[in-house]
Amino acid sequence: MARPPSVTIYGIKACDTMKKARTWLDQHGIAYAFHDYKTAGIERARLETWAAQVGWELLLNRSGTTFRKLPEADKADLDETKAIALMLGQPSMIRRPVLDVGGGVIVGFTPHAYASSFA
């Protein structure tokens, strides 16, 4: 019998989208580990791996308050190196949730994307 993939959901506990994603996982009986950026931080290597898989542009939450409050100089000339540095310094700038399913990554939450990953 195949072993189910390990599942980790990364984000911030109080985030509404995180709550929706965790509820979906719970309702579908999918066991997961939860990694809270606010309390546990995030490693550069993990961000770099995700950026290689899905692109730093998808990972960086430009619509959030934290990003919008940055000085214009910090927002100018963004590239992967600068974006990763921003996300390391302020993990709330990482789009949420990031779901790691056996090494595959889903950024954000939609029921359809989650269902496809566990079909």
PDB file of N, CA and C in Angstrom:
ATOM      1  N   MET A   1       0.847  -1.181   0.000  1.00  0.00           N
ATOM      2  CA  MET A   1       0.000   0.000   0.000  1.00  0.00           C
ATOM      3  C   MET A   1       0.892   1.243   0.000  1.00  0.00           C
ATOM      4  N   ALA A   2       0.576   2.189  -0.869  1.00  0.00           N
ATOM      5  CA  ALA A   2       1.377   3.411  -0.977  1.00  0.00           C
ATOM      6  C   ALA A   2       1.195   4.282   0.258  1.00  0.00           C
ATOM      7  N   ARG A   3       2.287   4.854   0.699  1.00  0.00           N
ATOM      8  CA  ARG A   3       2.242   5.750   1.854  1.00  0.00           C
ATOM      9  C   ARG A   3       1.726   7.112   1.390  1.00  0.00           C
ATOM     10  N   PRO A   4       0.778   7.698   2.110  1.00  0.00           N
ATOM     11  CA  PRO A   4       0.277   9.011   1.692  1.00  0.00           C
ATOM     12  C   PRO A   4       1.382  10.056   1.781  1.00  0.00           C
ATOM     13  N   PRO A   5       1.321  11.064   0.918  1.00  0.00           N
ATOM     14  CA  PRO A   5       2.367  12.090   0.955  1.00  0.00           C
ATOM     15  C   PRO A   5       2.302  12.889   2.251  1.00  0.00           C
ATOM     16  N   SER A   6       3.469  13.379   2.669  1.00  0.00           N
ATOM     17  CA  SER A   6       3.468  14.256   3.841  1.00  0.00           C
ATOM     18  C   SER A   6       2.895  15.603   3.406  1.00  0.00           C
ATOM     19  N   VAL A   7       2.118  16.189   4.278  1.00  0.00           N
ATOM     20  CA  VAL A   7       1.446  17.449   3.962  1.00  0.00           C
ATOM     21  C   VAL A   7       1.778  18.456   5.065  1.00  0.00           C
ATOM     22  N   THR A   8       2.277  19.616   4.639  1.00  0.00           N
ATOM     23  CA  THR A   8       2.524  20.708   5.564  1.00  0.00           C
ATOM     24  C   THR A   8       1.881  21.961   4.987  1.00  0.00           C
ATOM     25  N   ILE A   9       1.170  22.672   5.827  1.00  0.00           N
ATOM     26  CA  ILE A   9       0.574  23.939   5.409  1.00  0.00           C
ATOM     27  C   ILE A   9       1.329  25.058   6.134  1.00  0.00           C
ATOM     28  N   TYR A  10       1.797  26.019   5.352  1.00  0.00           N
ATOM     29  CA  TYR A  10       2.583  27.138   5.863  1.00  0.00           C
ATOM     30  C   TYR A  10       1.748  28.396   5.807  1.00  0.00           C
ATOM     31  N   GLY A  11       1.809  29.195   6.863  1.00  0.00           N
ATOM     32  CA  GLY A  11       1.082  30.456   6.867  1.00  0.00           C
ATOM     33  C   GLY A  11       1.075  31.096   8.236  1.00  0.00           C
ATOM     34  N   ILE A  12       0.026  31.859   8.479  1.00  0.00           N
ATOM     35  CA  ILE A  12      -0.143  32.585   9.736  1.00  0.00           C
ATOM     36  C   ILE A  12      -1.490  32.165  10.323  1.00  0.00           C
ATOM     37  N   LYS A  13      -1.480  31.832  11.587  1.00  0.00           N
ATOM     38  CA  LYS A  13      -2.658  31.256  12.236  1.00  0.00           C
ATOM     39  C   LYS A  13      -3.929  32.097  12.061  1.00  0.00           C
ATOM     40  N   ALA A  14      -3.830  33.401  12.220  1.00  0.00           N
ATOM     41  CA  ALA A  14      -5.016  34.252  12.235  1.00  0.00           C
ATOM     42  C   ALA A  14      -5.567  34.607  10.845  1.00  0.00           C
ATOM     43  N   CYS A  15      -4.897  34.210   9.794  1.00  0.00           N
ATOM     44  CA  CYS A  15      -5.304  34.563   8.428  1.00  0.00           C
ATOM     45  C   CYS A  15      -6.603  33.842   8.037  1.00  0.00           C
ATOM     46  N   ASP A  16      -7.565  34.581   7.486  1.00  0.00           N
ATOM     47  CA  ASP A  16      -8.851  33.997   7.090  1.00  0.00           C
ATOM     48  C   ASP A  16      -8.694  32.930   6.014  1.00  0.00           C
ATOM     49  N   THR A  17      -7.825  33.164   5.043  1.00  0.00           N
ATOM     50  CA  THR A  17      -7.616  32.179   3.980  1.00  0.00           C
ATOM     51  C   THR A  17      -6.993  30.911   4.543  1.00  0.00           C
ATOM     52  N   MET A  18      -6.105  31.075   5.510  1.00  0.00           N
ATOM     53  CA  MET A  18      -5.525  29.910   6.185  1.00  0.00           C
ATOM     54  C   MET A  18      -6.614  29.102   6.875  1.00  0.00           C
ATOM     55  N   LYS A  19      -7.535  29.788   7.521  1.00  0.00           N
ATOM     56  CA  LYS A  19      -8.622  29.093   8.220  1.00  0.00           C
ATOM     57  C   LYS A  19      -9.460  28.285   7.230  1.00  0.00           C
ATOM     58  N   LYS A  20      -9.737  28.862   6.058  1.00  0.00           N
ATOM     59  CA  LYS A  20     -10.512  28.145   5.035  1.00  0.00           C
ATOM     60  C   LYS A  20      -9.755  26.908   4.559  1.00  0.00           C
ATOM     61  N   ALA A  21      -8.465  27.060   4.330  1.00  0.00           N
ATOM     62  CA  ALA A  21      -7.661  25.937   3.848  1.00  0.00           C
ATOM     63  C   ALA A  21      -7.586  24.825   4.893  1.00  0.00           C
ATOM     64  N   ARG A  22      -7.358  25.197   6.143  1.00  0.00           N
ATOM     65  CA  ARG A  22      -7.275  24.192   7.211  1.00  0.00           C
ATOM     66  C   ARG A  22      -8.623  23.497   7.411  1.00  0.00           C
ATOM     67  N   THR A  23      -9.717  24.242   7.311  1.00  0.00           N
ATOM     68  CA  THR A  23     -11.045  23.640   7.411  1.00  0.00           C
ATOM     69  C   THR A  23     -11.255  22.635   6.284  1.00  0.00           C
ATOM     70  N   TRP A  24     -10.846  22.992   5.059  1.00  0.00           N
ATOM     71  CA  TRP A  24     -10.992  22.083   3.920  1.00  0.00           C
ATOM     72  C   TRP A  24     -10.219  20.791   4.184  1.00  0.00           C
ATOM     73  N   LEU A  25      -8.973  20.926   4.624  1.00  0.00           N
ATOM     74  CA  LEU A  25      -8.160  19.737   4.907  1.00  0.00           C
ATOM     75  C   LEU A  25      -8.809  18.879   5.991  1.00  0.00           C
ATOM     76  N   ASP A  26      -9.283  19.522   7.051  1.00  0.00           N
ATOM     77  CA  ASP A  26      -9.941  18.797   8.147  1.00  0.00           C
ATOM     78  C   ASP A  26     -11.187  18.069   7.649  1.00  0.00           C
ATOM     79  N   GLN A  27     -12.018  18.744   6.866  1.00  0.00           N
ATOM     80  CA  GLN A  27     -13.265  18.149   6.369  1.00  0.00           C
ATOM     81  C   GLN A  27     -13.005  16.967   5.441  1.00  0.00           C
ATOM     82  N   HIS A  28     -11.841  16.952   4.799  1.00  0.00           N
ATOM     83  CA  HIS A  28     -11.514  15.872   3.876  1.00  0.00           C
ATOM     84  C   HIS A  28     -10.606  14.822   4.517  1.00  0.00           C
ATOM     85  N   GLY A  29     -10.427  14.923   5.826  1.00  0.00           N
ATOM     86  CA  GLY A  29      -9.675  13.906   6.562  1.00  0.00           C
ATOM     87  C   GLY A  29      -8.199  13.832   6.194  1.00  0.00           C
ATOM     88  N   ILE A  30      -7.639  14.955   5.799  1.00  0.00           N
ATOM     89  CA  ILE A  30      -6.234  14.982   5.395  1.00  0.00           C
ATOM     90  C   ILE A  30      -5.386  15.482   6.566  1.00  0.00           C
ATOM     91  N   ALA A  31      -4.505  14.609   7.026  1.00  0.00           N
ATOM     92  CA  ALA A  31      -3.609  14.966   8.135  1.00  0.00           C
ATOM     93  C   ALA A  31      -2.520  15.896   7.602  1.00  0.00           C
ATOM     94  N   TYR A  32      -2.185  16.881   8.391  1.00  0.00           N
ATOM     95  CA  TYR A  32      -1.168  17.842   7.975  1.00  0.00           C
ATOM     96  C   TYR A  32      -0.457  18.415   9.188  1.00  0.00           C
ATOM     97  N   ALA A  33       0.733  18.920   8.925  1.00  0.00           N
ATOM     98  CA  ALA A  33       1.461  19.687   9.933  1.00  0.00           C
ATOM     99  C   ALA A  33       1.243  21.158   9.592  1.00  0.00           C
ATOM    100  N   PHE A  34       1.192  22.005  10.606  1.00  0.00           N
ATOM    101  CA  PHE A  34       1.022  23.442  10.390  1.00  0.00           C
ATOM    102  C   PHE A  34       2.296  24.163  10.803  1.00  0.00           C
ATOM    103  N   HIS A  35       2.822  24.976   9.911  1.00  0.00           N
ATOM    104  CA  HIS A  35       4.027  25.770  10.180  1.00  0.00           C
ATOM    105  C   HIS A  35       3.626  27.247  10.154  1.00  0.00           C
ATOM    106  N   ASP A  36       3.702  27.893  11.294  1.00  0.00           N
ATOM    107  CA  ASP A  36       3.321  29.302  11.431  1.00  0.00           C
ATOM    108  C   ASP A  36       4.560  30.180  11.225  1.00  0.00           C
ATOM    109  N   TYR A  37       4.546  30.982  10.159  1.00  0.00           N
ATOM    110  CA  TYR A  37       5.678  31.877   9.867  1.00  0.00           C
ATOM    111  C   TYR A  37       5.956  32.835  11.016  1.00  0.00           C
ATOM    112  N   LYS A  38       4.894  33.293  11.665  1.00  0.00           N
ATOM    113  CA  LYS A  38       5.055  34.305  12.710  1.00  0.00           C
ATOM    114  C   LYS A  38       5.826  33.768  13.912  1.00  0.00           C
ATOM    115  N   THR A  39       5.573  32.512  14.264  1.00  0.00           N
ATOM    116  CA  THR A  39       6.231  31.954  15.442  1.00  0.00           C
ATOM    117  C   THR A  39       7.483  31.153  15.101  1.00  0.00           C
ATOM    118  N   ALA A  40       7.489  30.465  13.973  1.00  0.00           N
ATOM    119  CA  ALA A  40       8.607  29.570  13.644  1.00  0.00           C
ATOM    120  C   ALA A  40       9.550  30.137  12.587  1.00  0.00           C
ATOM    121  N   GLY A  41       9.158  31.237  11.942  1.00  0.00           N
ATOM    122  CA  GLY A  41       9.994  31.793  10.883  1.00  0.00           C
ATOM    123  C   GLY A  41       9.973  30.915   9.639  1.00  0.00           C
ATOM    124  N   ILE A  42      10.864  31.213   8.722  1.00  0.00           N
ATOM    125  CA  ILE A  42      10.970  30.445   7.475  1.00  0.00           C
ATOM    126  C   ILE A  42      12.427  30.476   7.038  1.00  0.00           C
ATOM    127  N   GLU A  43      12.891  29.393   6.477  1.00  0.00           N
ATOM    128  CA  GLU A  43      14.284  29.309   6.059  1.00  0.00           C
ATOM    129  C   GLU A  43      14.446  29.820   4.628  1.00  0.00           C
ATOM    130  N   ARG A  44      15.580  30.457   4.385  1.00  0.00           N
ATOM    131  CA  ARG A  44      15.899  30.945   3.035  1.00  0.00           C
ATOM    132  C   ARG A  44      15.830  29.811   2.010  1.00  0.00           C
ATOM    133  N   ALA A  45      16.393  28.658   2.347  1.00  0.00           N
ATOM    134  CA  ALA A  45      16.426  27.536   1.400  1.00  0.00           C
ATOM    135  C   ALA A  45      15.017  27.114   0.978  1.00  0.00           C
ATOM    136  N   ARG A  46      14.081  27.129   1.932  1.00  0.00           N
ATOM    137  CA  ARG A  46      12.700  26.745   1.595  1.00  0.00           C
ATOM    138  C   ARG A  46      12.085  27.765   0.641  1.00  0.00           C
ATOM    139  N   LEU A  47      12.270  29.058   0.945  1.00  0.00           N
ATOM    140  CA  LEU A  47      11.746  30.098   0.040  1.00  0.00           C
ATOM    141  C   LEU A  47      12.367  29.976  -1.345  1.00  0.00           C
ATOM    142  N   GLU A  48      13.655  29.709  -1.404  1.00  0.00           N
ATOM    143  CA  GLU A  48      14.328  29.568  -2.702  1.00  0.00           C
ATOM    144  C   GLU A  48      13.798  28.362  -3.469  1.00  0.00           C
ATOM    145  N   THR A  49      13.527  27.276  -2.761  1.00  0.00           N
ATOM    146  CA  THR A  49      12.956  26.089  -3.406  1.00  0.00           C
ATOM    147  C   THR A  49      11.571  26.394  -3.961  1.00  0.00           C
ATOM    148  N   TRP A  50      10.743  27.040  -3.133  1.00  0.00           N
ATOM    149  CA  TRP A  50       9.399  27.400  -3.606  1.00  0.00           C
ATOM    150  C   TRP A  50       9.475  28.345  -4.800  1.00  0.00           C
ATOM    151  N   ALA A  51      10.357  29.321  -4.745  1.00  0.00           N
ATOM    152  CA  ALA A  51      10.497  30.278  -5.844  1.00  0.00           C
ATOM    153  C   ALA A  51      10.893  29.549  -7.128  1.00  0.00           C
ATOM    154  N   ALA A  52      11.754  28.544  -7.005  1.00  0.00           N
ATOM    155  CA  ALA A  52      12.152  27.764  -8.175  1.00  0.00           C
ATOM    156  C   ALA A  52      10.975  26.962  -8.732  1.00  0.00           C
ATOM    157  N   GLN A  53      10.070  26.522  -7.841  1.00  0.00           N
ATOM    158  CA  GLN A  53       8.929  25.713  -8.260  1.00  0.00           C
ATOM    159  C   GLN A  53       7.787  26.547  -8.843  1.00  0.00           C
ATOM    160  N   VAL A  54       7.466  27.660  -8.191  1.00  0.00           N
ATOM    161  CA  VAL A  54       6.266  28.408  -8.601  1.00  0.00           C
ATOM    162  C   VAL A  54       6.549  29.854  -9.013  1.00  0.00           C
ATOM    163  N   GLY A  55       7.773  30.318  -8.798  1.00  0.00           N
ATOM    164  CA  GLY A  55       8.119  31.704  -9.130  1.00  0.00           C
ATOM    165  C   GLY A  55       7.957  32.622  -7.930  1.00  0.00           C
ATOM    166  N   TRP A  56       8.933  33.500  -7.740  1.00  0.00           N
ATOM    167  CA  TRP A  56       8.873  34.420  -6.591  1.00  0.00           C
ATOM    168  C   TRP A  56       7.703  35.381  -6.718  1.00  0.00           C
ATOM    169  N   GLU A  57       7.291  35.667  -7.947  1.00  0.00           N
ATOM    170  CA  GLU A  57       6.190  36.601  -8.164  1.00  0.00           C
ATOM    171  C   GLU A  57       4.894  36.083  -7.539  1.00  0.00           C
ATOM    172  N   LEU A  58       4.680  34.776  -7.595  1.00  0.00           N
ATOM    173  CA  LEU A  58       3.482  34.182  -7.000  1.00  0.00           C
ATOM    174  C   LEU A  58       3.597  34.138  -5.469  1.00  0.00           C
ATOM    175  N   LEU A  59       4.794  33.912  -4.972  1.00  0.00           N
ATOM    176  CA  LEU A  59       5.002  33.815  -3.523  1.00  0.00           C
ATOM    177  C   LEU A  59       4.851  35.146  -2.800  1.00  0.00           C
ATOM    178  N   LEU A  60       5.283  36.219  -3.432  1.00  0.00           N
ATOM    179  CA  LEU A  60       5.282  37.532  -2.777  1.00  0.00           C
ATOM    180  C   LEU A  60       3.874  38.117  -2.778  1.00  0.00           C
ATOM    181  N   ASN A  61       3.352  38.385  -1.602  1.00  0.00           N
ATOM    182  CA  ASN A  61       2.011  38.943  -1.460  1.00  0.00           C
ATOM    183  C   ASN A  61       2.086  40.466  -1.559  1.00  0.00           C
ATOM    184  N   ARG A  62       1.904  40.973  -2.773  1.00  0.00           N
ATOM    185  CA  ARG A  62       1.985  42.418  -3.005  1.00  0.00           C
ATOM    186  C   ARG A  62       0.718  43.148  -2.599  1.00  0.00           C
ATOM    187  N   SER A  63      -0.368  42.414  -2.394  1.00  0.00           N
ATOM    188  CA  SER A  63      -1.630  43.074  -2.063  1.00  0.00           C
ATOM    189  C   SER A  63      -1.816  43.261  -0.558  1.00  0.00           C
ATOM    190  N   GLY A  64      -0.950  42.671   0.239  1.00  0.00           N
ATOM    191  CA  GLY A  64      -1.081  42.774   1.678  1.00  0.00           C
ATOM    192  C   GLY A  64      -0.605  44.110   2.222  1.00  0.00           C
ATOM    193  N   THR A  65      -1.074  44.417   3.410  1.00  0.00           N
ATOM    194  CA  THR A  65      -0.735  45.671   4.077  1.00  0.00           C
ATOM    195  C   THR A  65       0.768  45.823   4.288  1.00  0.00           C
ATOM    196  N   THR A  66       1.416  44.747   4.682  1.00  0.00           N
ATOM    197  CA  THR A  66       2.855  44.816   4.971  1.00  0.00           C
ATOM    198  C   THR A  66       3.625  45.286   3.748  1.00  0.00           C
ATOM    199  N   PHE A  67       3.321  44.717   2.584  1.00  0.00           N
ATOM    200  CA  PHE A  67       4.019  45.116   1.357  1.00  0.00           C
ATOM    201  C   PHE A  67       3.662  46.551   0.978  1.00  0.00           C
ATOM    202  N   ARG A  68       2.393  46.884   1.051  1.00  0.00           N
ATOM    203  CA  ARG A  68       1.958  48.219   0.635  1.00  0.00           C
ATOM    204  C   ARG A  68       2.567  49.313   1.492  1.00  0.00           C
ATOM    205  N   LYS A  69       2.887  49.013   2.747  1.00  0.00           N
ATOM    206  CA  LYS A  69       3.467  50.010   3.648  1.00  0.00           C
ATOM    207  C   LYS A  69       4.983  50.167   3.481  1.00  0.00           C
ATOM    208  N   LEU A  70       5.585  49.324   2.662  1.00  0.00           N
ATOM    209  CA  LEU A  70       7.032  49.436   2.446  1.00  0.00           C
ATOM    210  C   LEU A  70       7.378  50.757   1.779  1.00  0.00           C
ATOM    211  N   PRO A  71       8.578  51.277   2.056  1.00  0.00           N
ATOM    212  CA  PRO A  71       9.036  52.456   1.322  1.00  0.00           C
ATOM    213  C   PRO A  71       9.141  52.117  -0.172  1.00  0.00           C
ATOM    214  N   GLU A  72       8.896  53.100  -1.001  1.00  0.00           N
ATOM    215  CA  GLU A  72       8.942  52.879  -2.452  1.00  0.00           C
ATOM    216  C   GLU A  72      10.276  52.279  -2.889  1.00  0.00           C
ATOM    217  N   ALA A  73      11.361  52.663  -2.249  1.00  0.00           N
ATOM    218  CA  ALA A  73      12.682  52.143  -2.619  1.00  0.00           C
ATOM    219  C   ALA A  73      12.745  50.622  -2.435  1.00  0.00           C
ATOM    220  N   ASP A  74      12.062  50.102  -1.419  1.00  0.00           N
ATOM    221  CA  ASP A  74      12.060  48.653  -1.192  1.00  0.00           C
ATOM    222  C   ASP A  74      11.209  47.924  -2.225  1.00  0.00           C
ATOM    223  N   LYS A  75      10.199  48.599  -2.761  1.00  0.00           N
ATOM    224  CA  LYS A  75       9.318  47.977  -3.742  1.00  0.00           C
ATOM    225  C   LYS A  75       9.867  48.090  -5.166  1.00  0.00           C
ATOM    226  N   ALA A  76      10.791  49.019  -5.378  1.00  0.00           N
ATOM    227  CA  ALA A  76      11.331  49.264  -6.720  1.00  0.00           C
ATOM    228  C   ALA A  76      12.327  48.177  -7.115  1.00  0.00           C
ATOM    229  N   ASP A  77      12.388  47.923  -8.397  1.00  0.00           N
ATOM    230  CA  ASP A  77      13.380  46.992  -8.963  1.00  0.00           C
ATOM    231  C   ASP A  77      13.379  45.631  -8.278  1.00  0.00           C
ATOM    232  N   LEU A  78      12.193  45.098  -8.044  1.00  0.00           N
ATOM    233  CA  LEU A  78      12.107  43.791  -7.399  1.00  0.00           C
ATOM    234  C   LEU A  78      12.639  42.699  -8.313  1.00  0.00           C
ATOM    235  N   ASP A  79      13.405  41.820  -7.724  1.00  0.00           N
ATOM    236  CA  ASP A  79      13.830  40.599  -8.389  1.00  0.00           C
ATOM    237  C   ASP A  79      13.757  39.483  -7.352  1.00  0.00           C
ATOM    238  N   GLU A  80      14.134  38.286  -7.735  1.00  0.00           N
ATOM    239  CA  GLU A  80      14.001  37.156  -6.815  1.00  0.00           C
ATOM    240  C   GLU A  80      14.810  37.351  -5.542  1.00  0.00           C
ATOM    241  N   THR A  81      16.039  37.813  -5.662  1.00  0.00           N
ATOM    242  CA  THR A  81      16.893  38.002  -4.484  1.00  0.00           C
ATOM    243  C   THR A  81      16.283  39.003  -3.519  1.00  0.00           C
ATOM    244  N   LYS A  82      15.820  40.127  -4.044  1.00  0.00           N
ATOM    245  CA  LYS A  82      15.236  41.166  -3.197  1.00  0.00           C
ATOM    246  C   LYS A  82      13.912  40.685  -2.583  1.00  0.00           C
ATOM    247  N   ALA A  83      13.099  39.994  -3.381  1.00  0.00           N
ATOM    248  CA  ALA A  83      11.813  39.495  -2.887  1.00  0.00           C
ATOM    249  C   ALA A  83      12.020  38.477  -1.764  1.00  0.00           C
ATOM    250  N   ILE A  84      12.970  37.577  -1.921  1.00  0.00           N
ATOM    251  CA  ILE A  84      13.230  36.583  -0.882  1.00  0.00           C
ATOM    252  C   ILE A  84      13.720  37.268   0.389  1.00  0.00           C
ATOM    253  N   ALA A  85      14.575  38.272   0.243  1.00  0.00           N
ATOM    254  CA  ALA A  85      15.049  39.018   1.416  1.00  0.00           C
ATOM    255  C   ALA A  85      13.882  39.693   2.138  1.00  0.00           C
ATOM    256  N   LEU A  86      12.945  40.273   1.377  1.00  0.00           N
ATOM    257  CA  LEU A  86      11.771  40.908   1.985  1.00  0.00           C
ATOM    258  C   LEU A  86      10.924  39.878   2.731  1.00  0.00           C
ATOM    259  N   MET A  87      10.699  38.712   2.107  1.00  0.00           N
ATOM    260  CA  MET A  87       9.873  37.677   2.725  1.00  0.00           C
ATOM    261  C   MET A  87      10.546  37.093   3.971  1.00  0.00           C
ATOM    262  N   LEU A  88      11.877  36.971   3.940  1.00  0.00           N
ATOM    263  CA  LEU A  88      12.597  36.490   5.126  1.00  0.00           C
ATOM    264  C   LEU A  88      12.473  37.490   6.273  1.00  0.00           C
ATOM    265  N   GLY A  89      12.588  38.766   5.934  1.00  0.00           N
ATOM    266  CA  GLY A  89      12.515  39.808   6.951  1.00  0.00           C
ATOM    267  C   GLY A  89      11.124  39.990   7.528  1.00  0.00           C
ATOM    268  N   GLN A  90      10.127  39.793   6.695  1.00  0.00           N
ATOM    269  CA  GLN A  90       8.737  39.967   7.131  1.00  0.00           C
ATOM    270  C   GLN A  90       7.889  38.852   6.501  1.00  0.00           C
ATOM    271  N   PRO A  91       7.820  37.691   7.163  1.00  0.00           N
ATOM    272  CA  PRO A  91       7.122  36.543   6.585  1.00  0.00           C
ATOM    273  C   PRO A  91       5.659  36.784   6.237  1.00  0.00           C
ATOM    274  N   SER A  92       5.053  37.826   6.789  1.00  0.00           N
ATOM    275  CA  SER A  92       3.661  38.095   6.415  1.00  0.00           C
ATOM    276  C   SER A  92       3.566  38.538   4.952  1.00  0.00           C
ATOM    277  N   MET A  93       4.686  38.780   4.303  1.00  0.00           N
ATOM    278  CA  MET A  93       4.679  39.108   2.873  1.00  0.00           C
ATOM    279  C   MET A  93       4.635  37.862   1.988  1.00  0.00           C
ATOM    280  N   ILE A  94       4.665  36.682   2.604  1.00  0.00           N
ATOM    281  CA  ILE A  94       4.543  35.443   1.828  1.00  0.00           C
ATOM    282  C   ILE A  94       3.059  35.173   1.639  1.00  0.00           C
ATOM    283  N   ARG A  95       2.668  34.970   0.387  1.00  0.00           N
ATOM    284  CA  ARG A  95       1.258  34.667   0.105  1.00  0.00           C
ATOM    285  C   ARG A  95       0.857  33.420   0.887  1.00  0.00           C
ATOM    286  N   ARG A  96      -0.376  33.395   1.347  1.00  0.00           N
ATOM    287  CA  ARG A  96      -0.845  32.294   2.182  1.00  0.00           C
ATOM    288  C   ARG A  96      -2.094  31.648   1.592  1.00  0.00           C
ATOM    289  N   PRO A  97      -2.238  30.387   1.925  1.00  0.00           N
ATOM    290  CA  PRO A  97      -1.255  29.477   2.479  1.00  0.00           C
ATOM    291  C   PRO A  97      -0.319  28.943   1.405  1.00  0.00           C
ATOM    292  N   VAL A  98       0.763  28.339   1.835  1.00  0.00           N
ATOM    293  CA  VAL A  98       1.597  27.535   0.958  1.00  0.00           C
ATOM    294  C   VAL A  98       1.415  26.109   1.449  1.00  0.00           C
ATOM    295  N   LEU A  99       0.937  25.261   0.567  1.00  0.00           N
ATOM    296  CA  LEU A  99       0.686  23.865   0.909  1.00  0.00           C
ATOM    297  C   LEU A  99       1.749  23.010   0.233  1.00  0.00           C
ATOM    298  N   ASP A 100       2.503  22.286   1.040  1.00  0.00           N
ATOM    299  CA  ASP A 100       3.530  21.369   0.529  1.00  0.00           C
ATOM    300  C   ASP A 100       2.966  19.965   0.635  1.00  0.00           C
ATOM    301  N   VAL A 101       2.752  19.357  -0.530  1.00  0.00           N
ATOM    302  CA  VAL A 101       2.209  18.001  -0.584  1.00  0.00           C
ATOM    303  C   VAL A 101       3.277  17.107  -1.198  1.00  0.00           C
ATOM    304  N   GLY A 102       4.020  16.440  -0.324  1.00  0.00           N
ATOM    305  CA  GLY A 102       5.060  15.540  -0.807  1.00  0.00           C
ATOM    306  C   GLY A 102       6.089  16.213  -1.689  1.00  0.00           C
ATOM    307  N   GLY A 103       6.375  17.475  -1.430  1.00  0.00           N
ATOM    308  CA  GLY A 103       7.368  18.198  -2.223  1.00  0.00           C
ATOM    309  C   GLY A 103       6.766  19.073  -3.307  1.00  0.00           C
ATOM    310  N   GLY A 104       5.511  18.827  -3.686  1.00  0.00           N
ATOM    311  CA  GLY A 104       4.816  19.714  -4.619  1.00  0.00           C
ATOM    312  C   GLY A 104       4.208  20.862  -3.849  1.00  0.00           C
ATOM    313  N   VAL A 105       4.105  22.018  -4.478  1.00  0.00           N
ATOM    314  CA  VAL A 105       3.673  23.218  -3.766  1.00  0.00           C
ATOM    315  C   VAL A 105       2.443  23.839  -4.427  1.00  0.00           C
ATOM    316  N   ILE A 106       1.472  24.199  -3.576  1.00  0.00           N
ATOM    317  CA  ILE A 106       0.303  24.968  -4.018  1.00  0.00           C
ATOM    318  C   ILE A 106       0.320  26.269  -3.225  1.00  0.00           C
ATOM    319  N   VAL A 107       0.256  27.393  -3.916  1.00  0.00           N
ATOM    320  CA  VAL A 107       0.246  28.702  -3.252  1.00  0.00           C
ATOM    321  C   VAL A 107      -1.159  29.277  -3.349  1.00  0.00           C
ATOM    322  N   GLY A 108      -1.696  29.701  -2.202  1.00  0.00           N
ATOM    323  CA  GLY A 108      -3.063  30.198  -2.155  1.00  0.00           C
ATOM    324  C   GLY A 108      -4.015  29.043  -1.886  1.00  0.00           C
ATOM    325  N   PHE A 109      -5.298  29.362  -1.797  1.00  0.00           N
ATOM    326  CA  PHE A 109      -6.286  28.322  -1.536  1.00  0.00           C
ATOM    327  C   PHE A 109      -7.462  28.447  -2.477  1.00  0.00           C
ATOM    328  N   THR A 110      -7.736  27.361  -3.175  1.00  0.00           N
ATOM    329  CA  THR A 110      -9.013  27.173  -3.856  1.00  0.00           C
ATOM    330  C   THR A 110      -9.398  25.716  -3.631  1.00  0.00           C
ATOM    331  N   PRO A 111     -10.662  25.453  -3.352  1.00  0.00           N
ATOM    332  CA  PRO A 111     -11.076  24.065  -3.138  1.00  0.00           C
ATOM    333  C   PRO A 111     -10.697  23.165  -4.318  1.00  0.00           C
ATOM    334  N   HIS A 112     -10.815  23.688  -5.542  1.00  0.00           N
ATOM    335  CA  HIS A 112     -10.516  22.883  -6.733  1.00  0.00           C
ATOM    336  C   HIS A 112      -9.043  22.461  -6.758  1.00  0.00           C
ATOM    337  N   ALA A 113      -8.132  23.390  -6.489  1.00  0.00           N
ATOM    338  CA  ALA A 113      -6.702  23.062  -6.507  1.00  0.00           C
ATOM    339  C   ALA A 113      -6.371  22.033  -5.435  1.00  0.00           C
ATOM    340  N   TYR A 114      -6.972  22.183  -4.267  1.00  0.00           N
ATOM    341  CA  TYR A 114      -6.712  21.222  -3.186  1.00  0.00           C
ATOM    342  C   TYR A 114      -7.278  19.862  -3.568  1.00  0.00           C
ATOM    343  N   ALA A 115      -8.494  19.828  -4.092  1.00  0.00           N
ATOM    344  CA  ALA A 115      -9.108  18.559  -4.481  1.00  0.00           C
ATOM    345  C   ALA A 115      -8.263  17.855  -5.535  1.00  0.00           C
ATOM    346  N   SER A 116      -7.726  18.608  -6.486  1.00  0.00           N
ATOM    347  CA  SER A 116      -6.884  18.014  -7.533  1.00  0.00           C
ATOM    348  C   SER A 116      -5.623  17.385  -6.966  1.00  0.00           C
ATOM    349  N   SER A 117      -5.092  17.980  -5.904  1.00  0.00           N
ATOM    350  CA  SER A 117      -3.860  17.468  -5.300  1.00  0.00           C
ATOM    351  C   SER A 117      -4.066  16.178  -4.516  1.00  0.00           C
ATOM    352  N   PHE A 118      -5.297  15.928  -4.112  1.00  0.00           N
ATOM    353  CA  PHE A 118      -5.562  14.747  -3.291  1.00  0.00           C
ATOM    354  C   PHE A 118      -6.465  13.745  -3.982  1.00  0.00           C
ATOM    355  N   ALA A 119      -6.596  13.869  -5.301  1.00  0.00           N
ATOM    356  CA  ALA A 119      -7.468  12.953  -6.062  1.00  0.00           C
ATOM    357  C   ALA A 119      -6.828  11.596  -6.190  1.00  0.00           C
TER     358      ALA A 119
END
